[in-house]
Amino acid sequence: MNRAFFVSSQLYVLLDSNFLMLPSVKRINVLSELDRVLGRSYKLLTINHVVEELERLASLGRPSERRRAKLALMLMKEWNVEVVGVPLQAKVDDAIAEASSKHGWVVATNDRELRRRLKELGVPTVYLRGGKRLTLEGEVEALTSK
């Protein structure tokens, strides 16, 4: 494919906390799997409240949560994840749903309830299926025109 296609059709993928902690639980190369399922250029994002949640877990969580959260924070830097400030809602999931719906972002999450809610809003999601591979649910073509 030609490079102009990738530039003009770049997607924005919002990573939630459980998705960011995925590499510490499953042996999966998240970036190569995102390349495979999205098939185009993308920019990784998260929201400030996800970072706050990970920082809280890294310092106050159970030992396994602390380890996973610390790795997630490290991977955010390694993957050049952009942190976007959004207004706080009642829950972090509310902020994710509102921001992704408003801005046309794909959301990467393994949270079933959040995925169900995003589907109702027409927001595409990426999630781990079968413990090995990422799956894209929803249409991304309409997002590239936003």
N, C-alpha and C. Protein backbone atom coordinates (compact mmCIF):
# COMPACT_ATOMS: atom_id res chain seq x y z
N MET A 1 0.84 -1.19 0.00
CA MET A 1 0.00 0.00 0.00
C MET A 1 0.87 1.24 0.00
N ASN A 2 0.34 2.30 -0.55
CA ASN A 2 1.17 3.50 -0.60
C ASN A 2 1.10 4.27 0.72
N ARG A 3 2.16 4.95 1.03
CA ARG A 3 2.31 5.64 2.30
C ARG A 3 1.26 6.73 2.51
N ALA A 4 0.83 7.40 1.44
CA ALA A 4 -0.18 8.46 1.55
C ALA A 4 -1.47 7.90 2.14
N PHE A 5 -1.81 6.67 1.79
CA PHE A 5 -3.01 6.05 2.34
C PHE A 5 -2.91 5.95 3.86
N PHE A 6 -1.76 5.51 4.35
CA PHE A 6 -1.59 5.37 5.78
C PHE A 6 -1.67 6.71 6.49
N VAL A 7 -1.06 7.73 5.94
CA VAL A 7 -1.07 9.05 6.57
C VAL A 7 -2.48 9.61 6.61
N SER A 8 -3.21 9.50 5.50
CA SER A 8 -4.54 10.10 5.44
C SER A 8 -5.58 9.31 6.23
N SER A 9 -5.28 8.07 6.54
CA SER A 9 -6.27 7.26 7.24
C SER A 9 -5.79 6.83 8.63
N GLN A 10 -4.98 7.66 9.26
CA GLN A 10 -4.47 7.32 10.58
C GLN A 10 -5.61 7.24 11.59
N LEU A 11 -5.54 6.24 12.42
CA LEU A 11 -6.51 6.05 13.49
C LEU A 11 -5.89 6.47 14.81
N TYR A 12 -6.74 6.78 15.76
CA TYR A 12 -6.32 7.05 17.13
C TYR A 12 -6.90 5.95 17.99
N VAL A 13 -6.04 5.30 18.75
CA VAL A 13 -6.44 4.15 19.57
C VAL A 13 -6.21 4.50 21.03
N LEU A 14 -7.31 4.56 21.78
CA LEU A 14 -7.25 4.86 23.20
C LEU A 14 -7.09 3.55 23.98
N LEU A 15 -6.04 3.47 24.78
CA LEU A 15 -5.75 2.28 25.58
C LEU A 15 -6.27 2.48 26.99
N ASP A 16 -7.06 1.54 27.50
CA ASP A 16 -7.49 1.65 28.89
C ASP A 16 -6.51 0.89 29.79
N SER A 17 -6.71 0.98 31.09
CA SER A 17 -5.73 0.43 32.02
C SER A 17 -5.60 -1.09 31.90
N ASN A 18 -6.70 -1.81 31.76
CA ASN A 18 -6.56 -3.27 31.70
C ASN A 18 -5.88 -3.71 30.41
N PHE A 19 -6.05 -2.96 29.33
CA PHE A 19 -5.36 -3.29 28.08
C PHE A 19 -3.87 -2.99 28.20
N LEU A 20 -3.53 -1.90 28.87
CA LEU A 20 -2.12 -1.56 29.07
C LEU A 20 -1.41 -2.60 29.94
N MET A 21 -2.15 -3.25 30.83
CA MET A 21 -1.55 -4.26 31.70
C MET A 21 -1.53 -5.65 31.06
N LEU A 22 -2.14 -5.79 29.91
CA LEU A 22 -2.22 -7.07 29.21
C LEU A 22 -0.88 -7.76 28.99
N PRO A 23 0.17 -7.06 28.53
CA PRO A 23 1.45 -7.74 28.29
C PRO A 23 2.07 -8.37 29.54
N SER A 24 1.67 -7.91 30.73
CA SER A 24 2.22 -8.51 31.94
C SER A 24 1.49 -9.79 32.33
N VAL A 25 0.35 -10.04 31.69
CA VAL A 25 -0.45 -11.22 32.01
C VAL A 25 -0.39 -12.26 30.90
N LYS A 26 -0.42 -11.80 29.66
CA LYS A 26 -0.42 -12.69 28.50
C LYS A 26 0.83 -12.45 27.67
N ARG A 27 1.29 -13.50 27.04
CA ARG A 27 2.44 -13.36 26.13
C ARG A 27 1.91 -12.94 24.77
N ILE A 28 1.84 -11.64 24.57
CA ILE A 28 1.30 -11.12 23.32
C ILE A 28 2.07 -9.86 22.95
N ASN A 29 2.40 -9.75 21.69
CA ASN A 29 3.06 -8.55 21.19
C ASN A 29 1.96 -7.59 20.75
N VAL A 30 1.60 -6.68 21.63
CA VAL A 30 0.46 -5.79 21.41
C VAL A 30 0.64 -4.96 20.14
N LEU A 31 1.83 -4.41 19.93
CA LEU A 31 2.02 -3.54 18.76
C LEU A 31 1.87 -4.30 17.45
N SER A 32 2.46 -5.49 17.35
CA SER A 32 2.32 -6.23 16.09
C SER A 32 0.89 -6.70 15.89
N GLU A 33 0.20 -7.02 16.96
CA GLU A 33 -1.21 -7.40 16.85
C GLU A 33 -2.08 -6.21 16.45
N LEU A 34 -1.79 -5.03 16.97
CA LEU A 34 -2.53 -3.83 16.54
C LEU A 34 -2.28 -3.56 15.07
N ASP A 35 -1.02 -3.71 14.64
CA ASP A 35 -0.70 -3.54 13.21
C ASP A 35 -1.56 -4.49 12.37
N ARG A 36 -1.65 -5.73 12.82
CA ARG A 36 -2.39 -6.75 12.07
C ARG A 36 -3.88 -6.44 11.99
N VAL A 37 -4.50 -6.12 13.13
CA VAL A 37 -5.96 -5.94 13.12
C VAL A 37 -6.40 -4.60 12.54
N LEU A 38 -5.57 -3.57 12.68
CA LEU A 38 -5.97 -2.25 12.17
C LEU A 38 -5.59 -2.06 10.71
N GLY A 39 -4.44 -2.59 10.32
CA GLY A 39 -4.03 -2.54 8.92
C GLY A 39 -3.76 -1.15 8.39
N ARG A 40 -3.47 -0.22 9.26
CA ARG A 40 -3.16 1.15 8.83
C ARG A 40 -2.41 1.87 9.95
N SER A 41 -1.98 3.05 9.66
CA SER A 41 -1.25 3.86 10.64
C SER A 41 -2.17 4.22 11.81
N TYR A 42 -1.60 4.23 13.01
CA TYR A 42 -2.40 4.60 14.18
C TYR A 42 -1.50 5.30 15.19
N LYS A 43 -2.13 6.06 16.06
CA LYS A 43 -1.46 6.76 17.15
C LYS A 43 -2.07 6.24 18.44
N LEU A 44 -1.22 5.86 19.40
CA LEU A 44 -1.70 5.36 20.68
C LEU A 44 -1.94 6.51 21.64
N LEU A 45 -3.09 6.47 22.29
CA LEU A 45 -3.48 7.49 23.26
C LEU A 45 -3.96 6.82 24.54
N THR A 46 -3.98 7.57 25.59
CA THR A 46 -4.74 7.21 26.77
C THR A 46 -5.18 8.51 27.40
N ILE A 47 -6.03 8.42 28.40
CA ILE A 47 -6.48 9.65 29.05
C ILE A 47 -5.80 9.78 30.41
N ASN A 48 -5.76 11.00 30.89
CA ASN A 48 -5.08 11.28 32.15
C ASN A 48 -5.61 10.43 33.31
N HIS A 49 -6.88 10.10 33.31
CA HIS A 49 -7.46 9.33 34.41
C HIS A 49 -6.98 7.87 34.41
N VAL A 50 -6.66 7.34 33.24
CA VAL A 50 -6.08 5.99 33.16
C VAL A 50 -4.68 6.01 33.77
N VAL A 51 -3.90 7.03 33.47
CA VAL A 51 -2.56 7.15 34.04
C VAL A 51 -2.64 7.26 35.56
N GLU A 52 -3.58 8.08 36.05
CA GLU A 52 -3.75 8.23 37.50
C GLU A 52 -4.13 6.89 38.14
N GLU A 53 -5.00 6.13 37.48
CA GLU A 53 -5.41 4.82 37.97
C GLU A 53 -4.21 3.87 38.03
N LEU A 54 -3.38 3.87 36.99
CA LEU A 54 -2.19 3.01 36.97
C LEU A 54 -1.19 3.43 38.04
N GLU A 55 -0.99 4.73 38.22
CA GLU A 55 -0.07 5.21 39.26
C GLU A 55 -0.55 4.82 40.65
N ARG A 56 -1.87 4.90 40.86
CA ARG A 56 -2.44 4.50 42.15
C ARG A 56 -2.22 3.00 42.38
N LEU A 57 -2.47 2.19 41.37
CA LEU A 57 -2.24 0.75 41.49
C LEU A 57 -0.77 0.43 41.71
N ALA A 58 0.12 1.17 41.03
CA ALA A 58 1.56 0.93 41.14
C ALA A 58 2.07 1.20 42.55
N SER A 59 1.39 2.07 43.28
CA SER A 59 1.87 2.36 44.63
C SER A 59 1.01 1.73 45.74
N LEU A 60 -0.28 1.53 45.48
CA LEU A 60 -1.17 1.06 46.55
C LEU A 60 -1.82 -0.30 46.30
N GLY A 61 -1.65 -0.85 45.13
CA GLY A 61 -2.31 -2.11 44.79
C GLY A 61 -1.66 -3.32 45.45
N ARG A 62 -2.30 -4.46 45.25
CA ARG A 62 -1.71 -5.72 45.71
C ARG A 62 -0.40 -5.91 44.95
N PRO A 63 0.50 -6.76 45.44
CA PRO A 63 1.80 -6.93 44.77
C PRO A 63 1.69 -7.24 43.27
N SER A 64 0.77 -8.11 42.88
CA SER A 64 0.63 -8.43 41.46
C SER A 64 0.12 -7.22 40.67
N GLU A 65 -0.80 -6.45 41.26
CA GLU A 65 -1.30 -5.24 40.59
C GLU A 65 -0.20 -4.20 40.46
N ARG A 66 0.61 -4.07 41.51
CA ARG A 66 1.71 -3.10 41.46
C ARG A 66 2.66 -3.42 40.32
N ARG A 67 3.01 -4.69 40.19
CA ARG A 67 3.92 -5.13 39.13
C ARG A 67 3.33 -4.85 37.75
N ARG A 68 2.07 -5.22 37.55
CA ARG A 68 1.42 -5.01 36.25
C ARG A 68 1.29 -3.53 35.92
N ALA A 69 0.92 -2.73 36.91
CA ALA A 69 0.75 -1.29 36.68
C ALA A 69 2.08 -0.62 36.37
N LYS A 70 3.14 -1.02 37.06
CA LYS A 70 4.47 -0.44 36.78
C LYS A 70 4.92 -0.78 35.36
N LEU A 71 4.70 -2.01 34.94
CA LEU A 71 5.04 -2.40 33.57
C LEU A 71 4.21 -1.61 32.57
N ALA A 72 2.94 -1.43 32.85
CA ALA A 72 2.07 -0.66 31.95
C ALA A 72 2.57 0.77 31.80
N LEU A 73 2.96 1.40 32.89
CA LEU A 73 3.49 2.77 32.83
C LEU A 73 4.79 2.82 32.03
N MET A 74 5.63 1.80 32.19
CA MET A 74 6.88 1.74 31.43
C MET A 74 6.59 1.56 29.94
N LEU A 75 5.65 0.68 29.61
CA LEU A 75 5.30 0.44 28.20
C LEU A 75 4.70 1.69 27.56
N MET A 76 3.97 2.47 28.32
CA MET A 76 3.41 3.71 27.78
C MET A 76 4.53 4.61 27.26
N LYS A 77 5.61 4.70 28.01
CA LYS A 77 6.74 5.52 27.57
C LYS A 77 7.41 4.90 26.35
N GLU A 78 7.63 3.59 26.41
CA GLU A 78 8.29 2.88 25.31
C GLU A 78 7.49 2.98 24.01
N TRP A 79 6.17 2.92 24.12
CA TRP A 79 5.29 2.96 22.95
C TRP A 79 4.91 4.38 22.53
N ASN A 80 5.44 5.38 23.23
CA ASN A 80 5.11 6.79 22.95
C ASN A 80 3.61 7.06 22.99
N VAL A 81 2.96 6.58 24.03
CA VAL A 81 1.52 6.79 24.20
C VAL A 81 1.29 8.23 24.62
N GLU A 82 0.47 8.93 23.87
CA GLU A 82 0.13 10.31 24.19
C GLU A 82 -0.96 10.32 25.25
N VAL A 83 -0.77 11.14 26.29
CA VAL A 83 -1.76 11.26 27.36
C VAL A 83 -2.61 12.50 27.08
N VAL A 84 -3.91 12.28 26.96
CA VAL A 84 -4.85 13.36 26.64
C VAL A 84 -5.64 13.69 27.89
N GLY A 85 -5.69 14.97 28.23
CA GLY A 85 -6.47 15.41 29.39
C GLY A 85 -7.93 15.54 29.02
N VAL A 86 -8.78 14.90 29.80
CA VAL A 86 -10.23 15.00 29.59
C VAL A 86 -10.88 15.27 30.95
N PRO A 87 -12.06 15.90 30.94
CA PRO A 87 -12.75 16.15 32.21
C PRO A 87 -13.12 14.84 32.91
N LEU A 88 -13.04 14.85 34.22
CA LEU A 88 -13.37 13.66 34.99
C LEU A 88 -14.88 13.44 35.00
N GLN A 89 -15.27 12.24 34.74
CA GLN A 89 -16.67 11.82 34.83
C GLN A 89 -16.82 11.05 36.14
N ALA A 90 -17.99 10.49 36.36
CA ALA A 90 -18.22 9.71 37.58
C ALA A 90 -17.23 8.54 37.67
N LYS A 91 -16.94 7.94 36.51
CA LYS A 91 -16.01 6.81 36.46
C LYS A 91 -15.05 7.02 35.29
N VAL A 92 -13.91 6.36 35.36
CA VAL A 92 -12.94 6.43 34.26
C VAL A 92 -13.57 5.91 32.97
N ASP A 93 -14.36 4.84 33.08
CA ASP A 93 -15.02 4.30 31.88
C ASP A 93 -15.96 5.32 31.23
N ASP A 94 -16.60 6.16 32.05
CA ASP A 94 -17.47 7.22 31.50
C ASP A 94 -16.64 8.20 30.68
N ALA A 95 -15.48 8.56 31.20
CA ALA A 95 -14.60 9.50 30.49
C ALA A 95 -14.09 8.87 29.18
N ILE A 96 -13.76 7.59 29.21
CA ILE A 96 -13.31 6.88 28.00
C ILE A 96 -14.43 6.87 26.96
N ALA A 97 -15.63 6.52 27.39
CA ALA A 97 -16.77 6.44 26.46
C ALA A 97 -17.06 7.81 25.84
N GLU A 98 -17.08 8.84 26.65
CA GLU A 98 -17.39 10.17 26.13
C GLU A 98 -16.31 10.67 25.18
N ALA A 99 -15.05 10.55 25.57
CA ALA A 99 -13.95 11.06 24.73
C ALA A 99 -13.85 10.29 23.42
N SER A 100 -13.97 8.97 23.47
CA SER A 100 -13.83 8.17 22.25
C SER A 100 -14.99 8.41 21.30
N SER A 101 -16.17 8.57 21.84
CA SER A 101 -17.34 8.85 21.01
C SER A 101 -17.25 10.24 20.37
N LYS A 102 -16.83 11.19 21.16
CA LYS A 102 -16.72 12.58 20.68
C LYS A 102 -15.64 12.74 19.61
N HIS A 103 -14.49 12.10 19.81
CA HIS A 103 -13.34 12.30 18.92
C HIS A 103 -13.17 11.23 17.84
N GLY A 104 -13.97 10.18 17.88
CA GLY A 104 -13.86 9.13 16.87
C GLY A 104 -12.66 8.23 17.07
N TRP A 105 -12.34 7.91 18.31
CA TRP A 105 -11.21 7.04 18.61
C TRP A 105 -11.65 5.59 18.72
N VAL A 106 -10.78 4.68 18.34
CA VAL A 106 -10.95 3.26 18.61
C VAL A 106 -10.51 3.06 20.07
N VAL A 107 -11.17 2.17 20.80
CA VAL A 107 -10.78 1.91 22.19
C VAL A 107 -10.28 0.48 22.31
N ALA A 108 -9.10 0.32 22.91
CA ALA A 108 -8.53 -1.00 23.18
C ALA A 108 -8.80 -1.32 24.65
N THR A 109 -9.64 -2.31 24.88
CA THR A 109 -10.03 -2.69 26.24
C THR A 109 -10.44 -4.15 26.28
N ASN A 110 -10.28 -4.78 27.43
CA ASN A 110 -10.80 -6.12 27.65
C ASN A 110 -11.98 -6.10 28.60
N ASP A 111 -12.42 -4.93 28.99
CA ASP A 111 -13.55 -4.75 29.90
C ASP A 111 -14.85 -5.01 29.13
N ARG A 112 -15.53 -6.11 29.44
CA ARG A 112 -16.74 -6.49 28.70
C ARG A 112 -17.84 -5.44 28.79
N GLU A 113 -18.07 -4.92 29.98
CA GLU A 113 -19.12 -3.91 30.15
C GLU A 113 -18.80 -2.65 29.35
N LEU A 114 -17.57 -2.21 29.38
CA LEU A 114 -17.18 -1.03 28.60
C LEU A 114 -17.31 -1.32 27.11
N ARG A 115 -16.91 -2.49 26.67
CA ARG A 115 -17.05 -2.85 25.25
C ARG A 115 -18.51 -2.84 24.82
N ARG A 116 -19.40 -3.35 25.66
CA ARG A 116 -20.83 -3.35 25.35
C ARG A 116 -21.34 -1.93 25.20
N ARG A 117 -20.96 -1.09 26.13
CA ARG A 117 -21.38 0.31 26.11
C ARG A 117 -20.84 1.04 24.87
N LEU A 118 -19.58 0.81 24.54
CA LEU A 118 -18.98 1.45 23.37
C LEU A 118 -19.64 0.97 22.09
N LYS A 119 -20.00 -0.30 22.05
CA LYS A 119 -20.70 -0.84 20.87
C LYS A 119 -22.01 -0.10 20.66
N GLU A 120 -22.75 0.15 21.74
CA GLU A 120 -24.01 0.90 21.66
C GLU A 120 -23.79 2.31 21.12
N LEU A 121 -22.63 2.89 21.43
CA LEU A 121 -22.29 4.24 20.96
C LEU A 121 -21.70 4.23 19.55
N GLY A 122 -21.45 3.05 19.00
CA GLY A 122 -20.86 2.95 17.67
C GLY A 122 -19.36 3.13 17.65
N VAL A 123 -18.71 2.95 18.81
CA VAL A 123 -17.26 3.10 18.92
C VAL A 123 -16.59 1.74 18.70
N PRO A 124 -15.70 1.62 17.72
CA PRO A 124 -14.99 0.35 17.50
C PRO A 124 -14.07 0.03 18.68
N THR A 125 -13.92 -1.25 18.95
CA THR A 125 -13.04 -1.68 20.04
C THR A 125 -12.08 -2.76 19.56
N VAL A 126 -10.94 -2.81 20.23
CA VAL A 126 -9.96 -3.88 20.03
C VAL A 126 -9.87 -4.60 21.37
N TYR A 127 -9.91 -5.92 21.33
CA TYR A 127 -9.84 -6.69 22.57
C TYR A 127 -9.12 -8.02 22.32
N LEU A 128 -8.68 -8.64 23.40
CA LEU A 128 -7.99 -9.92 23.32
C LEU A 128 -9.03 -11.03 23.21
N ARG A 129 -8.86 -11.87 22.21
CA ARG A 129 -9.79 -12.98 22.00
C ARG A 129 -9.01 -14.28 22.04
N GLY A 130 -9.51 -15.21 22.82
CA GLY A 130 -8.88 -16.53 22.89
C GLY A 130 -7.53 -16.52 23.59
N GLY A 131 -7.22 -15.45 24.28
CA GLY A 131 -5.98 -15.38 25.03
C GLY A 131 -4.72 -15.19 24.21
N LYS A 132 -4.86 -15.05 22.87
CA LYS A 132 -3.68 -14.98 22.02
C LYS A 132 -3.69 -13.85 21.01
N ARG A 133 -4.85 -13.52 20.48
CA ARG A 133 -4.91 -12.58 19.35
C ARG A 133 -5.87 -11.45 19.65
N LEU A 134 -5.53 -10.29 19.13
CA LEU A 134 -6.43 -9.15 19.24
C LEU A 134 -7.48 -9.23 18.13
N THR A 135 -8.66 -8.72 18.44
CA THR A 135 -9.77 -8.69 17.50
C THR A 135 -10.34 -7.28 17.47
N LEU A 136 -10.69 -6.82 16.28
CA LEU A 136 -11.34 -5.53 16.09
C LEU A 136 -12.83 -5.76 15.95
N GLU A 137 -13.62 -5.06 16.75
CA GLU A 137 -15.07 -5.14 16.65
C GLU A 137 -15.60 -3.75 16.29
N GLY A 138 -16.36 -3.66 15.22
CA GLY A 138 -16.91 -2.39 14.77
C GLY A 138 -16.20 -1.90 13.53
N GLU A 139 -16.75 -0.86 12.93
CA GLU A 139 -16.23 -0.30 11.69
C GLU A 139 -15.34 0.90 11.96
N VAL A 140 -14.15 0.90 11.37
CA VAL A 140 -13.23 2.03 11.55
C VAL A 140 -13.22 2.98 10.36
N GLU A 141 -13.80 2.58 9.23
CA GLU A 141 -13.74 3.41 8.02
C GLU A 141 -14.34 4.79 8.26
N ALA A 142 -15.46 4.86 8.96
CA ALA A 142 -16.11 6.15 9.20
C ALA A 142 -15.27 7.06 10.09
N LEU A 143 -14.42 6.48 10.93
CA LEU A 143 -13.62 7.27 11.86
C LEU A 143 -12.54 8.08 11.15
N THR A 144 -12.05 7.59 10.04
CA THR A 144 -10.93 8.26 9.37
C THR A 144 -11.34 9.58 8.75
N SER A 145 -12.64 9.82 8.62
CA SER A 145 -13.09 11.08 8.03
C SER A 145 -13.36 12.14 9.08
N LYS A 146 -13.31 11.77 10.37
CA LYS A 146 -13.58 12.75 11.44
C LYS A 146 -12.42 13.69 11.64
